[in-house]
Structure formats: structure tokens, C-alpha cells
Amino acid sequence: MFFAQIESTKAVANVDSIAGVDGIDVLFVGPADLKLSLSTEPAVPSFDAALNNIVTAAKTHDKHAGILICDTKDTATLLNQGFTKIAVDSYMSLLRAGFLAIRPKP
């Protein structure tokens, strides 16, 4: 699967064109990067509106909408919103949590 990362105001503005590219399977949101980009531009959609635009473009072009989450409690909401590929946390934080779980307690 080929993931196109939608992480900037410009990417959201062009998401329909991006979704129309042959070979792209997933429009994937990096929430922290997208929120940062949206916060630096005047008169851009809200984060929630941007997510809706991404999901709509994915559905229109028969693609998947994906997103990275840090809290599994967000899964149901995002699935209901139309996201079909959900990544949970990062490998570094998962490794860190694993190491912390097995370290000797003082």
C-alpha cells in the first residue's frame, strides 16, 4: 500500500487532487504536524474540518483515510468519521513503555 501523508495546510487544500493520483491507496494524517501547519496559516479550515475534507476525498476516490492516534479511546470516533486505517502510537513510545514495564523497581 502507498500512503500519501496529509500533514500541511497545502496538502489539505489539494487533498482531492492528491486522492485522484493513481497508485495512492491511503490518505494518511499525521495529526501533530497537520495541527501545527493549520495553526500557522490565517483563514484555514479547523482541524476537524480538515479531517472531514480528507475523509471525503478518500471516499470520493475510493481510497482509505488513515490517521495516527496516541489514545485507543479515539478509535471508535475516527472509525465513525470514516477513517479506515488507524495506526496506534509510535514504535518508540511502545518500546519505551515496554522497557519501563520490565525495569527493576527501586
C-alpha atoms as a PDB file:
ATOM      1  CA  MET A   1       0.000   0.000   0.000  1.00  0.00           C
ATOM      2  CA  PHE A   2       1.172   3.509  -0.796  1.00  0.00           C
ATOM      3  CA  PHE A   3       0.424   6.155   1.837  1.00  0.00           C
ATOM      4  CA  ALA A   4       0.318   9.852   0.958  1.00  0.00           C
ATOM      5  CA  GLN A   5       0.846  11.859   4.124  1.00  0.00           C
ATOM      6  CA  ILE A   6      -1.522  14.787   4.542  1.00  0.00           C
ATOM      7  CA  GLU A   7       0.303  16.930   7.086  1.00  0.00           C
ATOM      8  CA  SER A   8       0.111  20.503   5.869  1.00  0.00           C
ATOM      9  CA  THR A   9      -2.367  23.219   5.038  1.00  0.00           C
ATOM     10  CA  LYS A  10      -1.291  22.952   1.401  1.00  0.00           C
ATOM     11  CA  ALA A  11      -1.919  19.199   1.374  1.00  0.00           C
ATOM     12  CA  VAL A  12      -5.434  19.707   2.783  1.00  0.00           C
ATOM     13  CA  ALA A  13      -6.117  22.362   0.132  1.00  0.00           C
ATOM     14  CA  ASN A  14      -5.045  19.877  -2.554  1.00  0.00           C
ATOM     15  CA  VAL A  15      -6.350  16.677  -0.973  1.00  0.00           C
ATOM     16  CA  ASP A  16      -8.876  15.966  -3.721  1.00  0.00           C
ATOM     17  CA  SER A  17      -6.157  16.166  -6.381  1.00  0.00           C
ATOM     18  CA  ILE A  18      -3.817  14.067  -4.264  1.00  0.00           C
ATOM     19  CA  ALA A  19      -6.522  11.437  -3.768  1.00  0.00           C
ATOM     20  CA  GLY A  20      -7.028  11.289  -7.524  1.00  0.00           C
ATOM     21  CA  VAL A  21      -3.454  10.154  -8.190  1.00  0.00           C
ATOM     22  CA  ASP A  22      -3.286   6.547  -9.386  1.00  0.00           C
ATOM     23  CA  GLY A  23      -1.263   4.364  -7.065  1.00  0.00           C
ATOM     24  CA  ILE A  24      -2.102   6.195  -3.851  1.00  0.00           C
ATOM     25  CA  ASP A  25      -4.005   3.859  -1.548  1.00  0.00           C
ATOM     26  CA  VAL A  26      -4.253   5.807   1.712  1.00  0.00           C
ATOM     27  CA  LEU A  27      -4.512   9.494   2.618  1.00  0.00           C
ATOM     28  CA  PHE A  28      -2.716   9.397   5.969  1.00  0.00           C
ATOM     29  CA  VAL A  29      -2.934  12.142   8.582  1.00  0.00           C
ATOM     30  CA  GLY A  30      -0.112  12.946  10.956  1.00  0.00           C
ATOM     31  CA  PRO A  31      -2.229  14.886  13.464  1.00  0.00           C
ATOM     32  CA  ALA A  32       0.548  16.793  15.249  1.00  0.00           C
ATOM     33  CA  ASP A  33       2.123  18.029  12.019  1.00  0.00           C
ATOM     34  CA  LEU A  34      -1.243  18.909  10.498  1.00  0.00           C
ATOM     35  CA  LYS A  35      -2.371  20.811  13.609  1.00  0.00           C
ATOM     36  CA  LEU A  36       0.902  22.755  13.624  1.00  0.00           C
ATOM     37  CA  SER A  37       0.598  23.638   9.943  1.00  0.00           C
ATOM     38  CA  LEU A  38      -3.029  24.734  10.318  1.00  0.00           C
ATOM     39  CA  SER A  39      -2.116  26.910  13.301  1.00  0.00           C
ATOM     40  CA  THR A  40       0.396  28.925  11.274  1.00  0.00           C
ATOM     41  CA  GLU A  41      -1.956  29.968   8.483  1.00  0.00           C
ATOM     42  CA  PRO A  42      -4.770  32.508   8.684  1.00  0.00           C
ATOM     43  CA  ALA A  43      -8.214  31.608   7.324  1.00  0.00           C
ATOM     44  CA  VAL A  44      -7.719  27.868   7.016  1.00  0.00           C
ATOM     45  CA  PRO A  45     -10.143  25.128   7.981  1.00  0.00           C
ATOM     46  CA  SER A  46     -10.239  23.876  11.546  1.00  0.00           C
ATOM     47  CA  PHE A  47      -8.531  20.592  12.288  1.00  0.00           C
ATOM     48  CA  ASP A  48     -11.910  18.806  12.382  1.00  0.00           C
ATOM     49  CA  ALA A  49     -12.944  20.363   9.068  1.00  0.00           C
ATOM     50  CA  ALA A  50      -9.608  19.322   7.550  1.00  0.00           C
ATOM     51  CA  LEU A  51     -10.184  15.731   8.725  1.00  0.00           C
ATOM     52  CA  ASN A  52     -13.635  15.779   7.146  1.00  0.00           C
ATOM     53  CA  ASN A  53     -12.150  17.060   3.866  1.00  0.00           C
ATOM     54  CA  ILE A  54      -9.589  14.246   3.901  1.00  0.00           C
ATOM     55  CA  VAL A  55     -12.205  11.555   4.569  1.00  0.00           C
ATOM     56  CA  THR A  56     -14.468  12.977   1.855  1.00  0.00           C
ATOM     57  CA  ALA A  57     -11.640  12.986  -0.706  1.00  0.00           C
ATOM     58  CA  ALA A  58     -10.713   9.421   0.224  1.00  0.00           C
ATOM     59  CA  LYS A  59     -14.306   8.224  -0.200  1.00  0.00           C
ATOM     60  CA  THR A  60     -14.746  10.143  -3.459  1.00  0.00           C
ATOM     61  CA  HIS A  61     -11.682   8.476  -4.971  1.00  0.00           C
ATOM     62  CA  ASP A  62     -12.226   5.043  -3.407  1.00  0.00           C
ATOM     63  CA  LYS A  63      -9.157   5.348  -1.183  1.00  0.00           C
ATOM     64  CA  HIS A  64      -8.591   4.749   2.501  1.00  0.00           C
ATOM     65  CA  ALA A  65      -8.329   7.537   5.057  1.00  0.00           C
ATOM     66  CA  GLY A  66      -5.756   6.834   7.742  1.00  0.00           C
ATOM     67  CA  ILE A  67      -4.590   8.557  10.888  1.00  0.00           C
ATOM     68  CA  LEU A  68      -2.103   8.126  13.716  1.00  0.00           C
ATOM     69  CA  ILE A  69      -3.547   8.153  17.230  1.00  0.00           C
ATOM     70  CA  CYS A  70      -1.953   8.036  20.662  1.00  0.00           C
ATOM     71  CA  ASP A  71      -5.045   7.033  22.615  1.00  0.00           C
ATOM     72  CA  THR A  72      -7.062   3.984  21.610  1.00  0.00           C
ATOM     73  CA  LYS A  73     -10.171   5.660  23.083  1.00  0.00           C
ATOM     74  CA  ASP A  74     -10.257   7.782  19.903  1.00  0.00           C
ATOM     75  CA  THR A  75     -10.637   4.742  17.631  1.00  0.00           C
ATOM     76  CA  ALA A  76     -14.444   4.489  17.590  1.00  0.00           C
ATOM     77  CA  THR A  77     -14.902   8.199  16.888  1.00  0.00           C
ATOM     78  CA  LEU A  78     -12.450   8.116  13.987  1.00  0.00           C
ATOM     79  CA  LEU A  79     -13.939   4.933  12.521  1.00  0.00           C
ATOM     80  CA  ASN A  80     -17.373   6.587  12.674  1.00  0.00           C
ATOM     81  CA  GLN A  81     -15.920   9.658  10.976  1.00  0.00           C
ATOM     82  CA  GLY A  82     -14.782   7.474   8.057  1.00  0.00           C
ATOM     83  CA  PHE A  83     -11.165   6.620   8.788  1.00  0.00           C
ATOM     84  CA  THR A  84     -10.389   3.055   7.740  1.00  0.00           C
ATOM     85  CA  LYS A  85      -6.678   2.755   8.600  1.00  0.00           C
ATOM     86  CA  ILE A  86      -5.712   3.654  12.145  1.00  0.00           C
ATOM     87  CA  ALA A  87      -2.183   3.464  13.486  1.00  0.00           C
ATOM     88  CA  VAL A  88      -1.795   3.461  17.251  1.00  0.00           C
ATOM     89  CA  ASP A  89       1.126   5.316  18.823  1.00  0.00           C
ATOM     90  CA  SER A  90       4.711   5.188  17.593  1.00  0.00           C
ATOM     91  CA  TYR A  91       7.189   2.366  17.815  1.00  0.00           C
ATOM     92  CA  MET A  92       9.456   4.473  20.025  1.00  0.00           C
ATOM     93  CA  SER A  93       6.815   5.123  22.665  1.00  0.00           C
ATOM     94  CA  LEU A  94       5.701   1.489  22.565  1.00  0.00           C
ATOM     95  CA  LEU A  95       9.313   0.340  23.060  1.00  0.00           C
ATOM     96  CA  ARG A  96       9.767   2.826  25.882  1.00  0.00           C
ATOM     97  CA  ALA A  97       6.603   1.604  27.620  1.00  0.00           C
ATOM     98  CA  GLY A  98       7.798  -1.988  27.254  1.00  0.00           C
ATOM     99  CA  PHE A  99      11.204  -1.208  28.736  1.00  0.00           C
ATOM    100  CA  LEU A 100       9.644   0.731  31.608  1.00  0.00           C
ATOM    101  CA  ALA A 101       7.344  -2.200  32.354  1.00  0.00           C
ATOM    102  CA  ILE A 102      10.237  -4.640  32.766  1.00  0.00           C
ATOM    103  CA  ARG A 103      12.791  -2.439  34.519  1.00  0.00           C
ATOM    104  CA  PRO A 104      13.591  -3.228  38.121  1.00  0.00           C
ATOM    105  CA  LYS A 105      11.634  -1.116  40.557  1.00  0.00           C
ATOM    106  CA  PRO A 106      13.699   0.914  43.075  1.00  0.00           C
END
